[in-house]
Amino acid sequence: RTQRSMFVWTACAAVSSTTVPSLAIDPLITRLLRANGAAAFPPSLDEINAAAEGLTVWRHALAAGRLPDYGGADGGLPPWPPQPLLGTLTDTLSRLSLPRATARHPSLVPAALAAVLA
């Protein structure tokens, strides 16, 4: 393992049991964040926390056949990822009809979440 991936794995392990309920409850999100350890800069614990919460919102929304709606149904949390990436991502995924596909085929949700992280 590289130093970068070890940092992300260690940070996720430390956070998963204490400050981020989504990581402790959702092994898929933990696995996705750990697999994303090849980024150029190590994320802070706050960034890992925001990503875990954001991915949880994305997971529930995609399973329900929709994209996250931070102005409505998902309004209790700050938007993730931040704009302008969120707008571009939701526009693209909507044009591809991804929410409809994940509602019909829930097994696609993990792959869709991995694409959101990529």
N, C-alpha and C. Protein backbone atom coordinates (compact mmCIF):
# COMPACT_ATOMS: atom_id res chain seq x y z
N ARG A 1 0.83 -1.19 0.00
CA ARG A 1 0.00 0.00 0.00
C ARG A 1 0.87 1.24 0.00
N THR A 2 0.37 2.26 -0.68
CA THR A 2 1.11 3.51 -0.69
C THR A 2 0.83 4.27 0.59
N GLN A 3 1.66 5.27 0.84
CA GLN A 3 1.46 6.09 2.03
C GLN A 3 0.10 6.78 1.98
N ARG A 4 -0.30 7.20 0.80
CA ARG A 4 -1.58 7.88 0.61
C ARG A 4 -2.74 6.96 0.94
N SER A 5 -2.71 5.75 0.41
CA SER A 5 -3.82 4.83 0.68
C SER A 5 -3.85 4.41 2.14
N MET A 6 -2.68 4.29 2.76
CA MET A 6 -2.64 3.97 4.18
C MET A 6 -3.27 5.10 5.01
N PHE A 7 -3.01 6.36 4.60
CA PHE A 7 -3.60 7.49 5.30
C PHE A 7 -5.12 7.43 5.22
N VAL A 8 -5.64 7.23 4.01
CA VAL A 8 -7.10 7.19 3.84
C VAL A 8 -7.69 6.02 4.61
N TRP A 9 -7.06 4.84 4.54
CA TRP A 9 -7.57 3.68 5.26
C TRP A 9 -7.58 3.95 6.76
N THR A 10 -6.48 4.52 7.28
CA THR A 10 -6.40 4.82 8.70
C THR A 10 -7.43 5.85 9.11
N ALA A 11 -7.57 6.90 8.30
CA ALA A 11 -8.55 7.94 8.61
C ALA A 11 -9.97 7.37 8.60
N CYS A 12 -10.27 6.55 7.61
CA CYS A 12 -11.61 5.94 7.54
C CYS A 12 -11.85 5.02 8.73
N ALA A 13 -10.86 4.26 9.10
CA ALA A 13 -11.01 3.35 10.23
C ALA A 13 -11.23 4.13 11.51
N ALA A 14 -10.49 5.22 11.70
CA ALA A 14 -10.64 6.03 12.91
C ALA A 14 -11.98 6.71 12.95
N VAL A 15 -12.40 7.23 11.82
CA VAL A 15 -13.65 7.98 11.76
C VAL A 15 -14.85 7.06 11.81
N SER A 16 -14.74 5.88 11.21
CA SER A 16 -15.91 5.02 11.10
C SER A 16 -16.47 4.60 12.45
N SER A 17 -15.64 4.51 13.44
CA SER A 17 -16.14 4.04 14.72
C SER A 17 -16.51 5.18 15.67
N THR A 18 -16.23 6.43 15.29
CA THR A 18 -16.49 7.50 16.23
C THR A 18 -17.38 8.60 15.69
N THR A 19 -16.91 9.36 14.70
CA THR A 19 -17.60 10.59 14.36
C THR A 19 -18.52 10.52 13.15
N VAL A 20 -18.45 9.51 12.34
CA VAL A 20 -19.25 9.46 11.12
C VAL A 20 -20.18 8.27 11.16
N PRO A 21 -21.44 8.50 11.57
CA PRO A 21 -22.37 7.38 11.64
C PRO A 21 -22.52 6.66 10.31
N SER A 22 -22.49 7.38 9.16
CA SER A 22 -22.68 6.72 7.88
C SER A 22 -21.60 5.70 7.61
N LEU A 23 -20.37 5.98 8.02
CA LEU A 23 -19.30 5.01 7.80
C LEU A 23 -19.48 3.79 8.70
N ALA A 24 -19.90 4.01 9.91
CA ALA A 24 -20.06 2.90 10.85
C ALA A 24 -21.22 2.01 10.45
N ILE A 25 -22.23 2.57 9.82
CA ILE A 25 -23.43 1.81 9.49
C ILE A 25 -23.36 1.22 8.09
N ASP A 26 -22.70 1.91 7.17
CA ASP A 26 -22.76 1.53 5.76
C ASP A 26 -21.42 1.03 5.24
N PRO A 27 -21.22 -0.27 5.18
CA PRO A 27 -19.94 -0.79 4.71
C PRO A 27 -19.63 -0.43 3.26
N LEU A 28 -20.67 -0.23 2.42
CA LEU A 28 -20.43 0.16 1.03
C LEU A 28 -19.73 1.52 0.97
N ILE A 29 -20.20 2.46 1.75
CA ILE A 29 -19.60 3.80 1.74
C ILE A 29 -18.19 3.74 2.28
N THR A 30 -17.96 2.98 3.33
CA THR A 30 -16.61 2.82 3.86
C THR A 30 -15.69 2.24 2.79
N ARG A 31 -16.15 1.20 2.10
CA ARG A 31 -15.35 0.56 1.06
C ARG A 31 -15.05 1.53 -0.09
N LEU A 32 -16.05 2.34 -0.49
CA LEU A 32 -15.84 3.30 -1.58
C LEU A 32 -14.83 4.36 -1.19
N LEU A 33 -14.92 4.86 0.03
CA LEU A 33 -13.98 5.90 0.46
C LEU A 33 -12.57 5.33 0.60
N ARG A 34 -12.47 4.11 1.07
CA ARG A 34 -11.15 3.48 1.19
C ARG A 34 -10.55 3.23 -0.19
N ALA A 35 -11.37 2.84 -1.14
CA ALA A 35 -10.88 2.56 -2.50
C ALA A 35 -10.47 3.84 -3.21
N ASN A 36 -10.94 4.96 -2.76
CA ASN A 36 -10.63 6.23 -3.40
C ASN A 36 -9.36 6.84 -2.82
N GLY A 37 -8.43 6.03 -2.36
CA GLY A 37 -7.22 6.50 -1.70
C GLY A 37 -6.13 6.97 -2.63
N ALA A 38 -6.36 7.04 -3.93
CA ALA A 38 -5.30 7.42 -4.86
C ALA A 38 -5.35 8.89 -5.24
N ALA A 39 -6.14 9.70 -4.59
CA ALA A 39 -6.21 11.13 -4.92
C ALA A 39 -4.88 11.81 -4.62
N ALA A 40 -4.68 13.00 -5.20
CA ALA A 40 -3.40 13.69 -5.09
C ALA A 40 -3.12 14.18 -3.67
N PHE A 41 -4.15 14.58 -2.93
CA PHE A 41 -3.96 15.14 -1.60
C PHE A 41 -4.77 14.35 -0.59
N PRO A 42 -4.20 14.08 0.57
CA PRO A 42 -4.96 13.35 1.59
C PRO A 42 -6.14 14.19 2.08
N PRO A 43 -7.31 13.59 2.18
CA PRO A 43 -8.47 14.35 2.68
C PRO A 43 -8.38 14.56 4.18
N SER A 44 -8.99 15.64 4.63
CA SER A 44 -9.08 15.87 6.07
C SER A 44 -10.23 15.03 6.60
N LEU A 45 -10.32 14.91 7.92
CA LEU A 45 -11.43 14.16 8.52
C LEU A 45 -12.76 14.83 8.20
N ASP A 46 -12.77 16.17 8.14
CA ASP A 46 -14.00 16.87 7.77
C ASP A 46 -14.43 16.53 6.35
N GLU A 47 -13.46 16.42 5.44
CA GLU A 47 -13.78 16.06 4.06
C GLU A 47 -14.30 14.62 3.97
N ILE A 48 -13.71 13.73 4.75
CA ILE A 48 -14.19 12.35 4.77
C ILE A 48 -15.60 12.29 5.34
N ASN A 49 -15.86 13.06 6.39
CA ASN A 49 -17.18 13.12 6.99
C ASN A 49 -18.20 13.64 5.98
N ALA A 50 -17.87 14.73 5.29
CA ALA A 50 -18.78 15.30 4.29
C ALA A 50 -19.04 14.31 3.16
N ALA A 51 -18.01 13.62 2.71
CA ALA A 51 -18.17 12.63 1.65
C ALA A 51 -19.05 11.47 2.10
N ALA A 52 -18.86 11.00 3.32
CA ALA A 52 -19.67 9.89 3.83
C ALA A 52 -21.14 10.29 3.92
N GLU A 53 -21.40 11.48 4.46
CA GLU A 53 -22.79 11.95 4.54
C GLU A 53 -23.37 12.15 3.14
N GLY A 54 -22.57 12.75 2.26
CA GLY A 54 -23.04 12.98 0.89
C GLY A 54 -23.33 11.69 0.16
N LEU A 55 -22.45 10.71 0.30
CA LEU A 55 -22.67 9.42 -0.37
C LEU A 55 -23.90 8.69 0.19
N THR A 56 -24.17 8.88 1.47
CA THR A 56 -25.37 8.29 2.06
C THR A 56 -26.62 8.90 1.42
N VAL A 57 -26.62 10.22 1.25
CA VAL A 57 -27.74 10.89 0.59
C VAL A 57 -27.87 10.38 -0.84
N TRP A 58 -26.75 10.31 -1.56
CA TRP A 58 -26.77 9.82 -2.94
C TRP A 58 -27.29 8.39 -3.00
N ARG A 59 -26.86 7.55 -2.07
CA ARG A 59 -27.28 6.14 -2.10
C ARG A 59 -28.80 6.01 -1.93
N HIS A 60 -29.34 6.73 -0.96
CA HIS A 60 -30.79 6.65 -0.73
C HIS A 60 -31.57 7.25 -1.90
N ALA A 61 -31.08 8.34 -2.44
CA ALA A 61 -31.76 8.98 -3.57
C ALA A 61 -31.75 8.07 -4.80
N LEU A 62 -30.60 7.52 -5.14
CA LEU A 62 -30.52 6.64 -6.31
C LEU A 62 -31.37 5.39 -6.14
N ALA A 63 -31.39 4.84 -4.93
CA ALA A 63 -32.22 3.66 -4.68
C ALA A 63 -33.70 3.98 -4.84
N ALA A 64 -34.05 5.25 -4.57
CA ALA A 64 -35.45 5.68 -4.72
C ALA A 64 -35.76 6.15 -6.14
N GLY A 65 -34.76 6.08 -7.03
CA GLY A 65 -35.00 6.46 -8.42
C GLY A 65 -34.94 7.96 -8.67
N ARG A 66 -34.16 8.67 -7.88
CA ARG A 66 -34.04 10.11 -8.07
C ARG A 66 -32.62 10.54 -7.74
N LEU A 67 -32.33 11.79 -8.04
CA LEU A 67 -31.05 12.38 -7.68
C LEU A 67 -31.23 13.15 -6.38
N PRO A 68 -30.16 13.41 -5.65
CA PRO A 68 -30.30 14.18 -4.41
C PRO A 68 -30.93 15.56 -4.67
N ASP A 69 -31.83 15.95 -3.79
CA ASP A 69 -32.52 17.24 -3.89
C ASP A 69 -32.25 18.00 -2.61
N TYR A 70 -31.15 18.74 -2.59
CA TYR A 70 -30.75 19.43 -1.37
C TYR A 70 -31.64 20.63 -1.05
N GLY A 71 -32.49 21.02 -1.98
CA GLY A 71 -33.44 22.10 -1.71
C GLY A 71 -34.79 21.56 -1.26
N GLY A 72 -34.94 20.25 -1.23
CA GLY A 72 -36.22 19.64 -0.88
C GLY A 72 -36.07 18.45 0.03
N ALA A 73 -36.24 17.27 -0.55
CA ALA A 73 -36.26 16.02 0.24
C ALA A 73 -34.98 15.79 1.04
N ASP A 74 -33.85 16.24 0.53
CA ASP A 74 -32.57 16.02 1.21
C ASP A 74 -32.00 17.32 1.78
N GLY A 75 -32.88 18.25 2.11
CA GLY A 75 -32.47 19.58 2.53
C GLY A 75 -31.80 19.70 3.88
N GLY A 76 -31.73 18.67 4.67
CA GLY A 76 -31.15 18.77 6.00
C GLY A 76 -29.63 18.78 6.02
N LEU A 77 -29.00 18.40 4.93
CA LEU A 77 -27.54 18.31 4.88
C LEU A 77 -26.98 19.28 3.84
N PRO A 78 -25.73 19.69 4.02
CA PRO A 78 -25.13 20.55 3.00
C PRO A 78 -24.92 19.76 1.71
N PRO A 79 -25.06 20.43 0.56
CA PRO A 79 -24.89 19.73 -0.72
C PRO A 79 -23.49 19.13 -0.85
N TRP A 80 -23.45 17.91 -1.38
CA TRP A 80 -22.18 17.25 -1.66
C TRP A 80 -22.28 16.52 -2.97
N PRO A 81 -21.31 16.62 -3.84
CA PRO A 81 -20.14 17.48 -3.77
C PRO A 81 -20.55 18.93 -3.96
N PRO A 82 -19.69 19.86 -3.62
CA PRO A 82 -20.06 21.27 -3.75
C PRO A 82 -20.24 21.68 -5.20
N GLN A 83 -20.94 22.79 -5.38
CA GLN A 83 -21.12 23.36 -6.72
C GLN A 83 -19.77 23.85 -7.23
N PRO A 84 -19.51 23.90 -8.47
CA PRO A 84 -20.36 23.58 -9.61
C PRO A 84 -20.38 22.10 -9.97
N LEU A 85 -19.56 21.29 -9.29
CA LEU A 85 -19.52 19.87 -9.61
C LEU A 85 -20.87 19.20 -9.40
N LEU A 86 -21.58 19.54 -8.34
CA LEU A 86 -22.88 18.93 -8.07
C LEU A 86 -23.84 19.17 -9.22
N GLY A 87 -23.92 20.40 -9.70
CA GLY A 87 -24.82 20.71 -10.81
C GLY A 87 -24.47 19.96 -12.08
N THR A 88 -23.20 19.92 -12.40
CA THR A 88 -22.75 19.21 -13.61
C THR A 88 -23.02 17.72 -13.48
N LEU A 89 -22.74 17.16 -12.32
CA LEU A 89 -22.94 15.74 -12.08
C LEU A 89 -24.42 15.37 -12.16
N THR A 90 -25.27 16.14 -11.50
CA THR A 90 -26.70 15.81 -11.53
C THR A 90 -27.29 16.00 -12.92
N ASP A 91 -26.85 17.02 -13.65
CA ASP A 91 -27.33 17.21 -15.03
C ASP A 91 -26.95 16.02 -15.92
N THR A 92 -25.71 15.60 -15.81
CA THR A 92 -25.22 14.49 -16.64
C THR A 92 -25.93 13.19 -16.29
N LEU A 93 -26.03 12.89 -14.99
CA LEU A 93 -26.67 11.64 -14.58
C LEU A 93 -28.16 11.64 -14.91
N SER A 94 -28.78 12.80 -14.88
CA SER A 94 -30.18 12.90 -15.26
C SER A 94 -30.36 12.64 -16.76
N ARG A 95 -29.48 13.22 -17.57
CA ARG A 95 -29.56 12.98 -19.02
C ARG A 95 -29.36 11.51 -19.36
N LEU A 96 -28.56 10.83 -18.56
CA LEU A 96 -28.31 9.39 -18.78
C LEU A 96 -29.41 8.50 -18.19
N SER A 97 -30.38 9.11 -17.52
CA SER A 97 -31.47 8.38 -16.87
C SER A 97 -30.95 7.39 -15.82
N LEU A 98 -29.87 7.75 -15.17
CA LEU A 98 -29.30 6.86 -14.16
C LEU A 98 -30.24 6.59 -12.99
N PRO A 99 -30.94 7.61 -12.46
CA PRO A 99 -31.84 7.31 -11.34
C PRO A 99 -32.91 6.28 -11.69
N ARG A 100 -33.42 6.34 -12.89
CA ARG A 100 -34.42 5.37 -13.32
C ARG A 100 -33.81 3.97 -13.38
N ALA A 101 -32.58 3.90 -13.88
CA ALA A 101 -31.91 2.60 -13.98
C ALA A 101 -31.62 2.02 -12.60
N THR A 102 -31.18 2.87 -11.65
CA THR A 102 -30.88 2.34 -10.31
C THR A 102 -32.14 1.96 -9.55
N ALA A 103 -33.25 2.62 -9.84
CA ALA A 103 -34.51 2.23 -9.20
C ALA A 103 -34.96 0.86 -9.71
N ARG A 104 -34.76 0.62 -10.99
CA ARG A 104 -35.17 -0.65 -11.58
C ARG A 104 -34.19 -1.78 -11.28
N HIS A 105 -32.91 -1.40 -11.11
CA HIS A 105 -31.84 -2.38 -10.88
C HIS A 105 -30.98 -1.90 -9.71
N PRO A 106 -31.42 -2.13 -8.47
CA PRO A 106 -30.70 -1.64 -7.30
C PRO A 106 -29.25 -2.11 -7.20
N SER A 107 -28.91 -3.20 -7.87
CA SER A 107 -27.53 -3.68 -7.83
C SER A 107 -26.57 -2.70 -8.53
N LEU A 108 -27.10 -1.74 -9.28
CA LEU A 108 -26.27 -0.73 -9.94
C LEU A 108 -25.86 0.42 -9.02
N VAL A 109 -26.51 0.54 -7.87
CA VAL A 109 -26.23 1.67 -6.96
C VAL A 109 -24.75 1.73 -6.56
N PRO A 110 -24.10 0.63 -6.15
CA PRO A 110 -22.67 0.75 -5.79
C PRO A 110 -21.80 1.26 -6.93
N ALA A 111 -22.05 0.79 -8.14
CA ALA A 111 -21.27 1.27 -9.30
C ALA A 111 -21.55 2.74 -9.57
N ALA A 112 -22.79 3.16 -9.39
CA ALA A 112 -23.13 4.57 -9.58
C ALA A 112 -22.44 5.44 -8.53
N LEU A 113 -22.38 4.97 -7.30
CA LEU A 113 -21.69 5.73 -6.25
C LEU A 113 -20.19 5.80 -6.51
N ALA A 114 -19.62 4.73 -7.03
CA ALA A 114 -18.20 4.75 -7.38
C ALA A 114 -17.95 5.78 -8.49
N ALA A 115 -18.89 5.89 -9.42
CA ALA A 115 -18.76 6.89 -10.48
C ALA A 115 -18.86 8.30 -9.93
N VAL A 116 -19.69 8.51 -8.93
CA VAL A 116 -19.81 9.83 -8.30
C VAL A 116 -18.48 10.20 -7.66
N LEU A 117 -17.79 9.25 -7.07
CA LEU A 117 -16.50 9.51 -6.42
C LEU A 117 -15.36 9.70 -7.42
N ALA A 118 -15.50 9.14 -8.60
CA ALA A 118 -14.39 9.18 -9.57
C ALA A 118 -14.09 10.55 -10.10
